[in-house]
C-alpha cells in the first residue's frame, strides 16, 4: 500500500465489448468519488481479459497503487470455452494480490448466453454500472481494513 493518505487505484479495462466494459469504469468512478474521498483512479486499457493479470502485476509492483481493479466481459465466441478464460483471469488476479499484497478486484462477467442484440447489450451495460459501484464499495472496505491493520501494527510497536 502506498504511504499517501490519498488512495490511488489502477482500473484495467479489457477492450472486447468496450461499450459494456467501460460502464463498469463509469459506475466505479461515480461511486468512488462519493465513498473514497480524494481517490485517484488511473485507467489502463488492454486488448482482452487474458492480458489483465499481467498488467495488474506490473502495476501492483510499482508501489504506486493501493488497489487494482480489472474489468472484462468474457463471452462464449463459439471457438473456445470462455469459462476457461474467465477462470484463468480470476485466478491470475487473485495470485497478483497474494504475491504483491496489493488487493486486486475483478469485475469480469461471463454470461452463459449473450447475443449482440440491443436488449441484452442494454441489460449488461446497466449491470456493469452496478458491478462497478459494487467494486468501489469493496475497494473502500478493503482499504479501510488495511488502514485498521496498519494502525494496530503501529500501536503494538509503540
N, C-alpha and C. Protein backbone atom coordinates (compact mmCIF):
# COMPACT_ATOMS: atom_id res chain seq x y z
N UNK A 1 0.84 -1.18 0.00
CA UNK A 1 0.00 0.00 0.00
C UNK A 1 0.89 1.24 0.00
N UNK A 2 0.51 2.22 -0.77
CA UNK A 2 1.30 3.45 -0.82
C UNK A 2 1.23 4.17 0.51
N UNK A 3 2.16 5.08 0.72
CA UNK A 3 2.26 5.78 2.00
C UNK A 3 1.47 7.08 2.02
N UNK A 4 0.72 7.37 1.00
CA UNK A 4 -0.06 8.60 0.96
C UNK A 4 -1.41 8.40 1.63
N UNK A 5 -2.04 9.50 1.99
CA UNK A 5 -3.38 9.42 2.56
C UNK A 5 -4.44 9.41 1.48
N UNK A 6 -4.05 9.77 0.27
CA UNK A 6 -4.98 9.75 -0.86
C UNK A 6 -4.84 8.41 -1.58
N UNK A 7 -5.88 7.59 -1.57
CA UNK A 7 -5.78 6.30 -2.24
C UNK A 7 -5.59 6.44 -3.75
N UNK A 8 -4.76 5.59 -4.29
CA UNK A 8 -4.54 5.56 -5.73
C UNK A 8 -4.92 4.17 -6.22
N UNK A 9 -5.78 4.14 -7.22
CA UNK A 9 -6.36 2.89 -7.70
C UNK A 9 -6.13 2.77 -9.20
N UNK A 10 -5.62 1.61 -9.62
CA UNK A 10 -5.49 1.32 -11.05
C UNK A 10 -6.75 0.60 -11.50
N UNK A 11 -7.28 1.01 -12.64
CA UNK A 11 -8.50 0.40 -13.18
C UNK A 11 -8.20 -0.09 -14.58
N UNK A 12 -8.18 -1.40 -14.76
CA UNK A 12 -7.84 -2.03 -16.05
C UNK A 12 -9.13 -2.40 -16.77
N UNK A 13 -9.20 -2.03 -18.06
CA UNK A 13 -10.39 -2.30 -18.86
C UNK A 13 -10.01 -3.12 -20.10
N UNK A 14 -10.62 -4.29 -20.25
CA UNK A 14 -10.44 -5.06 -21.47
C UNK A 14 -11.24 -4.39 -22.59
N UNK A 15 -10.72 -4.42 -23.79
CA UNK A 15 -11.36 -3.71 -24.91
C UNK A 15 -12.40 -4.53 -25.65
N UNK A 16 -12.43 -5.84 -25.50
CA UNK A 16 -13.52 -6.58 -26.11
C UNK A 16 -14.81 -6.11 -25.47
N UNK A 17 -15.79 -5.78 -26.26
CA UNK A 17 -17.07 -5.27 -25.78
C UNK A 17 -16.88 -4.02 -24.92
N UNK A 18 -16.04 -3.12 -25.38
CA UNK A 18 -15.70 -1.90 -24.63
C UNK A 18 -16.94 -1.08 -24.28
N UNK A 19 -17.96 -1.10 -25.13
CA UNK A 19 -19.17 -0.33 -24.84
C UNK A 19 -19.87 -0.81 -23.57
N UNK A 20 -19.66 -2.07 -23.21
CA UNK A 20 -20.20 -2.62 -21.98
C UNK A 20 -19.20 -2.45 -20.85
N UNK A 21 -17.96 -2.85 -21.09
CA UNK A 21 -16.91 -2.82 -20.06
C UNK A 21 -16.71 -1.41 -19.50
N UNK A 22 -16.72 -0.42 -20.36
CA UNK A 22 -16.50 0.96 -19.90
C UNK A 22 -17.54 1.43 -18.91
N UNK A 23 -18.69 0.82 -18.93
CA UNK A 23 -19.74 1.19 -17.97
C UNK A 23 -19.34 0.83 -16.54
N UNK A 24 -18.56 -0.23 -16.36
CA UNK A 24 -18.08 -0.57 -15.01
C UNK A 24 -17.15 0.52 -14.50
N UNK A 25 -16.33 1.05 -15.39
CA UNK A 25 -15.44 2.15 -15.01
C UNK A 25 -16.25 3.37 -14.60
N UNK A 26 -17.30 3.66 -15.35
CA UNK A 26 -18.18 4.79 -15.01
C UNK A 26 -18.81 4.59 -13.63
N UNK A 27 -19.37 3.42 -13.40
CA UNK A 27 -20.00 3.14 -12.11
C UNK A 27 -18.99 3.19 -10.97
N UNK A 28 -17.81 2.64 -11.21
CA UNK A 28 -16.77 2.64 -10.19
C UNK A 28 -16.36 4.07 -9.85
N UNK A 29 -16.08 4.86 -10.87
CA UNK A 29 -15.62 6.23 -10.66
C UNK A 29 -16.68 7.06 -9.95
N UNK A 30 -17.93 6.96 -10.39
CA UNK A 30 -19.01 7.72 -9.75
C UNK A 30 -19.14 7.38 -8.27
N UNK A 31 -19.06 6.10 -7.96
CA UNK A 31 -19.21 5.67 -6.56
C UNK A 31 -17.96 6.00 -5.76
N UNK A 32 -16.78 5.82 -6.34
CA UNK A 32 -15.53 6.10 -5.62
C UNK A 32 -15.45 7.57 -5.22
N UNK A 33 -15.89 8.46 -6.09
CA UNK A 33 -15.89 9.89 -5.77
C UNK A 33 -16.70 10.14 -4.50
N UNK A 34 -17.76 9.39 -4.36
CA UNK A 34 -18.67 9.56 -3.23
C UNK A 34 -18.14 8.91 -1.95
N UNK A 35 -17.54 7.71 -2.05
CA UNK A 35 -17.22 6.96 -0.83
C UNK A 35 -15.73 6.82 -0.53
N UNK A 36 -14.87 7.19 -1.47
CA UNK A 36 -13.42 7.15 -1.24
C UNK A 36 -12.89 8.54 -1.56
N UNK A 37 -13.06 9.47 -0.63
CA UNK A 37 -12.70 10.87 -0.90
C UNK A 37 -11.25 11.03 -1.37
N UNK A 38 -11.08 11.80 -2.44
CA UNK A 38 -9.76 12.12 -2.95
C UNK A 38 -9.09 11.01 -3.73
N UNK A 39 -9.76 9.90 -3.93
CA UNK A 39 -9.14 8.78 -4.64
C UNK A 39 -8.70 9.19 -6.03
N UNK A 40 -7.51 8.77 -6.40
CA UNK A 40 -7.01 8.97 -7.76
C UNK A 40 -7.18 7.65 -8.49
N UNK A 41 -7.87 7.67 -9.61
CA UNK A 41 -8.14 6.46 -10.38
C UNK A 41 -7.47 6.61 -11.73
N UNK A 42 -6.52 5.71 -12.00
CA UNK A 42 -5.81 5.70 -13.27
C UNK A 42 -6.32 4.54 -14.12
N UNK A 43 -6.82 4.84 -15.31
CA UNK A 43 -7.38 3.81 -16.18
C UNK A 43 -6.35 3.32 -17.19
N UNK A 44 -6.37 2.02 -17.44
CA UNK A 44 -5.49 1.38 -18.41
C UNK A 44 -6.31 0.44 -19.27
N UNK A 45 -6.02 0.42 -20.56
CA UNK A 45 -6.71 -0.47 -21.48
C UNK A 45 -5.81 -1.63 -21.88
N UNK A 46 -6.41 -2.82 -22.00
CA UNK A 46 -5.71 -4.00 -22.53
C UNK A 46 -6.60 -4.60 -23.61
N UNK A 47 -6.01 -5.39 -24.52
CA UNK A 47 -6.82 -5.94 -25.61
C UNK A 47 -7.99 -6.80 -25.13
N UNK A 48 -7.73 -7.70 -24.19
CA UNK A 48 -8.77 -8.59 -23.71
C UNK A 48 -8.56 -8.98 -22.26
N UNK A 49 -9.43 -9.83 -21.76
CA UNK A 49 -9.38 -10.23 -20.35
C UNK A 49 -8.09 -10.96 -20.02
N UNK A 50 -7.61 -11.77 -20.94
CA UNK A 50 -6.43 -12.60 -20.67
C UNK A 50 -5.20 -11.75 -20.33
N UNK A 51 -5.15 -10.53 -20.83
CA UNK A 51 -4.00 -9.66 -20.58
C UNK A 51 -4.07 -8.92 -19.25
N UNK A 52 -5.18 -8.99 -18.57
CA UNK A 52 -5.36 -8.20 -17.34
C UNK A 52 -4.44 -8.61 -16.19
N UNK A 53 -4.28 -9.89 -15.86
CA UNK A 53 -3.44 -10.23 -14.71
C UNK A 53 -1.99 -9.75 -14.83
N UNK A 54 -1.39 -9.85 -16.00
CA UNK A 54 -0.01 -9.41 -16.15
C UNK A 54 0.12 -7.91 -15.93
N UNK A 55 -0.78 -7.13 -16.51
CA UNK A 55 -0.73 -5.69 -16.28
C UNK A 55 -1.01 -5.38 -14.81
N UNK A 56 -1.95 -6.10 -14.21
CA UNK A 56 -2.24 -5.89 -12.79
C UNK A 56 -0.98 -6.11 -11.95
N UNK A 57 -0.22 -7.15 -12.27
CA UNK A 57 1.01 -7.43 -11.53
C UNK A 57 2.03 -6.33 -11.73
N UNK A 58 2.20 -5.89 -12.97
CA UNK A 58 3.16 -4.81 -13.25
C UNK A 58 2.78 -3.54 -12.48
N UNK A 59 1.50 -3.21 -12.48
CA UNK A 59 1.04 -2.01 -11.78
C UNK A 59 1.19 -2.15 -10.26
N UNK A 60 0.84 -3.32 -9.74
CA UNK A 60 0.95 -3.54 -8.30
C UNK A 60 2.41 -3.45 -7.85
N UNK A 61 3.31 -3.96 -8.66
CA UNK A 61 4.73 -3.96 -8.29
C UNK A 61 5.37 -2.57 -8.31
N UNK A 62 4.70 -1.59 -8.92
CA UNK A 62 5.26 -0.24 -8.94
C UNK A 62 5.25 0.39 -7.55
N UNK A 63 4.38 -0.08 -6.69
CA UNK A 63 4.24 0.51 -5.36
C UNK A 63 3.40 1.78 -5.36
N UNK A 64 2.87 2.17 -6.50
CA UNK A 64 2.07 3.39 -6.61
C UNK A 64 0.61 3.18 -6.23
N UNK A 65 0.15 1.94 -6.28
CA UNK A 65 -1.28 1.69 -6.16
C UNK A 65 -1.65 0.98 -4.87
N UNK A 66 -2.78 1.42 -4.30
CA UNK A 66 -3.36 0.80 -3.12
C UNK A 66 -4.28 -0.35 -3.50
N UNK A 67 -4.76 -0.36 -4.73
CA UNK A 67 -5.65 -1.41 -5.21
C UNK A 67 -5.63 -1.40 -6.73
N UNK A 68 -5.97 -2.57 -7.28
CA UNK A 68 -6.10 -2.72 -8.73
C UNK A 68 -7.46 -3.36 -8.99
N UNK A 69 -8.20 -2.77 -9.92
CA UNK A 69 -9.50 -3.31 -10.33
C UNK A 69 -9.39 -3.64 -11.81
N UNK A 70 -9.90 -4.81 -12.19
CA UNK A 70 -9.84 -5.22 -13.60
C UNK A 70 -11.24 -5.63 -14.04
N UNK A 71 -11.62 -5.17 -15.23
CA UNK A 71 -12.97 -5.47 -15.71
C UNK A 71 -12.95 -5.96 -17.15
N UNK A 72 -13.80 -6.96 -17.38
CA UNK A 72 -13.90 -7.55 -18.72
C UNK A 72 -15.27 -8.20 -18.87
N UNK A 73 -15.64 -8.42 -20.11
CA UNK A 73 -16.87 -9.11 -20.46
C UNK A 73 -16.45 -10.28 -21.34
N UNK A 74 -16.43 -11.47 -20.75
CA UNK A 74 -15.91 -12.66 -21.44
C UNK A 74 -17.10 -13.48 -21.92
N UNK A 75 -17.28 -13.52 -23.22
CA UNK A 75 -18.44 -14.23 -23.77
C UNK A 75 -18.00 -15.46 -24.55
N UNK A 76 -18.93 -16.36 -24.72
CA UNK A 76 -18.69 -17.57 -25.49
C UNK A 76 -18.73 -17.21 -26.97
N UNK A 77 -17.56 -17.20 -27.58
CA UNK A 77 -17.48 -16.87 -29.00
C UNK A 77 -17.65 -18.06 -29.91
N UNK A 78 -17.89 -19.24 -29.35
CA UNK A 78 -18.09 -20.43 -30.15
C UNK A 78 -16.80 -21.09 -30.59
N UNK A 79 -15.66 -20.47 -30.30
CA UNK A 79 -14.38 -21.03 -30.72
C UNK A 79 -13.66 -21.66 -29.54
N UNK A 80 -13.76 -21.06 -28.40
CA UNK A 80 -13.09 -21.58 -27.21
C UNK A 80 -14.07 -21.55 -26.05
N UNK A 81 -13.68 -22.19 -24.97
CA UNK A 81 -14.51 -22.20 -23.78
C UNK A 81 -14.23 -20.93 -22.97
N UNK A 82 -15.17 -20.03 -22.96
CA UNK A 82 -14.99 -18.76 -22.26
C UNK A 82 -14.80 -18.94 -20.76
N UNK A 83 -15.34 -20.03 -20.22
CA UNK A 83 -15.17 -20.24 -18.78
C UNK A 83 -13.72 -20.53 -18.42
N UNK A 84 -12.95 -21.14 -19.32
CA UNK A 84 -11.53 -21.36 -19.06
C UNK A 84 -10.79 -20.02 -18.99
N UNK A 85 -11.13 -19.13 -19.91
CA UNK A 85 -10.50 -17.80 -19.89
C UNK A 85 -10.87 -17.07 -18.61
N UNK A 86 -12.13 -17.08 -18.26
CA UNK A 86 -12.58 -16.38 -17.06
C UNK A 86 -11.91 -16.95 -15.81
N UNK A 87 -11.81 -18.28 -15.72
CA UNK A 87 -11.14 -18.90 -14.58
C UNK A 87 -9.68 -18.48 -14.50
N UNK A 88 -9.00 -18.46 -15.63
CA UNK A 88 -7.58 -18.08 -15.66
C UNK A 88 -7.41 -16.62 -15.24
N UNK A 89 -8.29 -15.77 -15.67
CA UNK A 89 -8.20 -14.34 -15.34
C UNK A 89 -8.42 -14.12 -13.85
N UNK A 90 -9.45 -14.71 -13.30
CA UNK A 90 -9.74 -14.51 -11.88
C UNK A 90 -8.63 -15.12 -11.03
N UNK A 91 -8.16 -16.31 -11.38
CA UNK A 91 -7.05 -16.92 -10.63
C UNK A 91 -5.79 -16.07 -10.75
N UNK A 92 -5.54 -15.53 -11.94
CA UNK A 92 -4.38 -14.68 -12.13
C UNK A 92 -4.44 -13.43 -11.28
N UNK A 93 -5.60 -12.79 -11.23
CA UNK A 93 -5.77 -11.60 -10.40
C UNK A 93 -5.62 -11.92 -8.92
N UNK A 94 -6.15 -13.05 -8.50
CA UNK A 94 -6.00 -13.47 -7.10
C UNK A 94 -4.53 -13.67 -6.78
N UNK A 95 -3.80 -14.32 -7.68
CA UNK A 95 -2.37 -14.55 -7.45
C UNK A 95 -1.60 -13.24 -7.37
N UNK A 96 -1.96 -12.27 -8.19
CA UNK A 96 -1.30 -10.96 -8.13
C UNK A 96 -1.47 -10.36 -6.74
N UNK A 97 -2.66 -10.40 -6.22
CA UNK A 97 -2.91 -9.86 -4.89
C UNK A 97 -2.11 -10.58 -3.82
N UNK A 98 -2.07 -11.90 -3.91
CA UNK A 98 -1.33 -12.68 -2.92
C UNK A 98 0.18 -12.44 -3.02
N UNK A 99 0.69 -12.32 -4.23
CA UNK A 99 2.13 -12.14 -4.43
C UNK A 99 2.60 -10.73 -4.08
N UNK A 100 1.78 -9.73 -4.36
CA UNK A 100 2.23 -8.34 -4.20
C UNK A 100 1.66 -7.67 -2.95
N UNK A 101 0.66 -8.27 -2.35
CA UNK A 101 -0.07 -7.71 -1.22
C UNK A 101 -0.80 -6.41 -1.58
N UNK A 102 -1.04 -6.21 -2.86
CA UNK A 102 -1.90 -5.13 -3.33
C UNK A 102 -3.23 -5.80 -3.71
N UNK A 103 -4.32 -5.41 -3.05
CA UNK A 103 -5.59 -6.08 -3.35
C UNK A 103 -6.02 -5.86 -4.80
N UNK A 104 -6.46 -6.97 -5.41
CA UNK A 104 -6.94 -6.94 -6.79
C UNK A 104 -8.39 -7.36 -6.80
N UNK A 105 -9.18 -6.65 -7.59
CA UNK A 105 -10.62 -6.88 -7.65
C UNK A 105 -11.00 -7.18 -9.10
N UNK A 106 -11.93 -8.10 -9.26
CA UNK A 106 -12.38 -8.47 -10.60
C UNK A 106 -13.83 -8.05 -10.81
N UNK A 107 -14.05 -7.35 -11.91
CA UNK A 107 -15.40 -7.07 -12.39
C UNK A 107 -15.46 -7.72 -13.76
N UNK A 108 -15.21 -9.02 -13.77
CA UNK A 108 -15.19 -9.79 -15.01
C UNK A 108 -16.39 -10.71 -15.02
N UNK A 109 -17.28 -10.46 -15.94
CA UNK A 109 -18.51 -11.23 -16.01
C UNK A 109 -18.50 -12.14 -17.23
N UNK A 110 -19.09 -13.33 -17.05
CA UNK A 110 -19.13 -14.32 -18.11
C UNK A 110 -20.55 -14.85 -18.26
N UNK A 111 -21.35 -14.19 -19.07
CA UNK A 111 -22.74 -14.64 -19.22
C UNK A 111 -22.80 -16.00 -19.91
N UNK A 112 -23.79 -16.78 -19.52
CA UNK A 112 -23.98 -18.09 -20.16
C UNK A 112 -24.48 -17.92 -21.60
N UNK A 113 -25.32 -16.94 -21.78
CA UNK A 113 -25.89 -16.72 -23.11
C UNK A 113 -25.85 -15.22 -23.41
N UNK A 114 -25.09 -14.87 -24.41
CA UNK A 114 -25.07 -13.46 -24.82
C UNK A 114 -25.10 -13.41 -26.34
N UNK A 115 -26.00 -12.61 -26.83
CA UNK A 115 -26.08 -12.33 -28.26
C UNK A 115 -26.11 -10.81 -28.40
N UNK A 116 -25.43 -10.33 -29.41
CA UNK A 116 -25.35 -8.88 -29.59
C UNK A 116 -26.65 -8.32 -30.15
N UNK A 117 -27.67 -8.38 -29.32
CA UNK A 117 -28.95 -7.75 -29.63
C UNK A 117 -29.14 -6.65 -28.61
N UNK A 118 -29.85 -5.60 -28.97
CA UNK A 118 -29.94 -4.41 -28.14
C UNK A 118 -30.45 -4.68 -26.73
N UNK A 119 -31.44 -5.54 -26.58
CA UNK A 119 -31.99 -5.77 -25.25
C UNK A 119 -30.95 -6.40 -24.32
N UNK A 120 -30.15 -7.34 -24.81
CA UNK A 120 -29.12 -7.96 -23.97
C UNK A 120 -27.96 -7.00 -23.72
N UNK A 121 -27.56 -6.28 -24.74
CA UNK A 121 -26.47 -5.33 -24.58
C UNK A 121 -26.86 -4.25 -23.59
N UNK A 122 -28.07 -3.76 -23.67
CA UNK A 122 -28.55 -2.73 -22.73
C UNK A 122 -28.55 -3.28 -21.30
N UNK A 123 -29.00 -4.51 -21.15
CA UNK A 123 -29.01 -5.12 -19.81
C UNK A 123 -27.59 -5.16 -19.24
N UNK A 124 -26.63 -5.63 -20.01
CA UNK A 124 -25.27 -5.77 -19.50
C UNK A 124 -24.58 -4.42 -19.31
N UNK A 125 -24.92 -3.45 -20.15
CA UNK A 125 -24.37 -2.10 -19.92
C UNK A 125 -24.79 -1.59 -18.54
N UNK A 126 -26.05 -1.73 -18.22
CA UNK A 126 -26.54 -1.27 -16.91
C UNK A 126 -26.00 -2.14 -15.79
N UNK A 127 -25.91 -3.43 -16.02
CA UNK A 127 -25.39 -4.34 -15.00
C UNK A 127 -23.93 -4.01 -14.67
N UNK A 128 -23.16 -3.62 -15.66
CA UNK A 128 -21.76 -3.27 -15.42
C UNK A 128 -21.63 -1.99 -14.61
N UNK A 129 -22.55 -1.06 -14.76
CA UNK A 129 -22.55 0.13 -13.91
C UNK A 129 -22.71 -0.31 -12.45
N UNK A 130 -23.68 -1.18 -12.21
CA UNK A 130 -23.93 -1.69 -10.86
C UNK A 130 -22.69 -2.40 -10.32
N UNK A 131 -22.09 -3.25 -11.12
CA UNK A 131 -20.91 -4.00 -10.67
C UNK A 131 -19.73 -3.07 -10.42
N UNK A 132 -19.61 -2.01 -11.19
CA UNK A 132 -18.57 -1.02 -10.94
C UNK A 132 -18.76 -0.36 -9.60
N UNK A 133 -20.00 0.00 -9.29
CA UNK A 133 -20.30 0.60 -7.98
C UNK A 133 -19.97 -0.37 -6.84
N UNK A 134 -20.35 -1.62 -7.03
CA UNK A 134 -20.07 -2.63 -6.01
C UNK A 134 -18.56 -2.81 -5.81
N UNK A 135 -17.80 -2.74 -6.89
CA UNK A 135 -16.34 -2.85 -6.79
C UNK A 135 -15.77 -1.68 -6.00
N UNK A 136 -16.31 -0.48 -6.20
CA UNK A 136 -15.84 0.68 -5.44
C UNK A 136 -16.07 0.47 -3.95
N UNK A 137 -17.23 -0.06 -3.59
CA UNK A 137 -17.51 -0.34 -2.19
C UNK A 137 -16.57 -1.40 -1.64
N UNK A 138 -16.28 -2.42 -2.43
CA UNK A 138 -15.34 -3.46 -1.98
C UNK A 138 -13.95 -2.87 -1.77
N UNK A 139 -13.51 -2.00 -2.68
CA UNK A 139 -12.21 -1.35 -2.52
C UNK A 139 -12.22 -0.50 -1.26
N UNK A 140 -13.27 0.26 -1.05
CA UNK A 140 -13.36 1.09 0.16
C UNK A 140 -13.22 0.24 1.42
N UNK A 141 -13.93 -0.87 1.45
CA UNK A 141 -13.88 -1.74 2.63
C UNK A 141 -12.49 -2.31 2.86
N UNK A 142 -11.85 -2.78 1.80
CA UNK A 142 -10.52 -3.39 1.95
C UNK A 142 -9.48 -2.34 2.33
N UNK A 143 -9.55 -1.15 1.75
CA UNK A 143 -8.61 -0.10 2.12
C UNK A 143 -8.81 0.32 3.58
N UNK A 144 -10.05 0.36 4.04
CA UNK A 144 -10.32 0.69 5.44
C UNK A 144 -9.76 -0.40 6.35
N UNK A 145 -9.91 -1.65 5.97
CA UNK A 145 -9.36 -2.75 6.76
C UNK A 145 -7.84 -2.69 6.78
N UNK A 146 -7.22 -2.41 5.63
CA UNK A 146 -5.76 -2.27 5.57
C UNK A 146 -5.29 -1.16 6.50
N UNK A 147 -6.01 -0.03 6.52
CA UNK A 147 -5.64 1.09 7.39
C UNK A 147 -5.79 0.70 8.86
N UNK A 148 -6.85 -0.04 9.17
CA UNK A 148 -7.06 -0.50 10.55
C UNK A 148 -5.93 -1.42 10.98
N UNK A 149 -5.54 -2.36 10.13
CA UNK A 149 -4.46 -3.29 10.47
C UNK A 149 -3.14 -2.56 10.65
N UNK A 150 -2.88 -1.57 9.79
CA UNK A 150 -1.65 -0.78 9.90
C UNK A 150 -1.63 0.00 11.21
N UNK A 151 -2.76 0.56 11.61
CA UNK A 151 -2.85 1.30 12.87
C UNK A 151 -2.63 0.37 14.06
N UNK A 152 -3.19 -0.84 13.98
CA UNK A 152 -2.98 -1.80 15.05
C UNK A 152 -1.51 -2.21 15.16
N UNK A 153 -0.86 -2.37 14.01
CA UNK A 153 0.57 -2.72 14.00
C UNK A 153 1.39 -1.59 14.65
N UNK A 154 1.07 -0.35 14.29
CA UNK A 154 1.79 0.81 14.87
C UNK A 154 1.58 0.88 16.37
N UNK A 155 0.35 0.62 16.81
CA UNK A 155 0.04 0.67 18.24
C UNK A 155 0.78 -0.43 19.00
N UNK A 156 0.90 -1.59 18.39
CA UNK A 156 1.57 -2.71 19.04
C UNK A 156 3.07 -2.46 19.20
N UNK A 157 3.65 -1.71 18.25
CA UNK A 157 5.07 -1.38 18.29
C UNK A 157 5.35 -0.30 19.33
N UNK A 158 4.40 0.61 19.50
CA UNK A 158 4.58 1.76 20.42
C UNK A 158 4.51 1.41 21.86
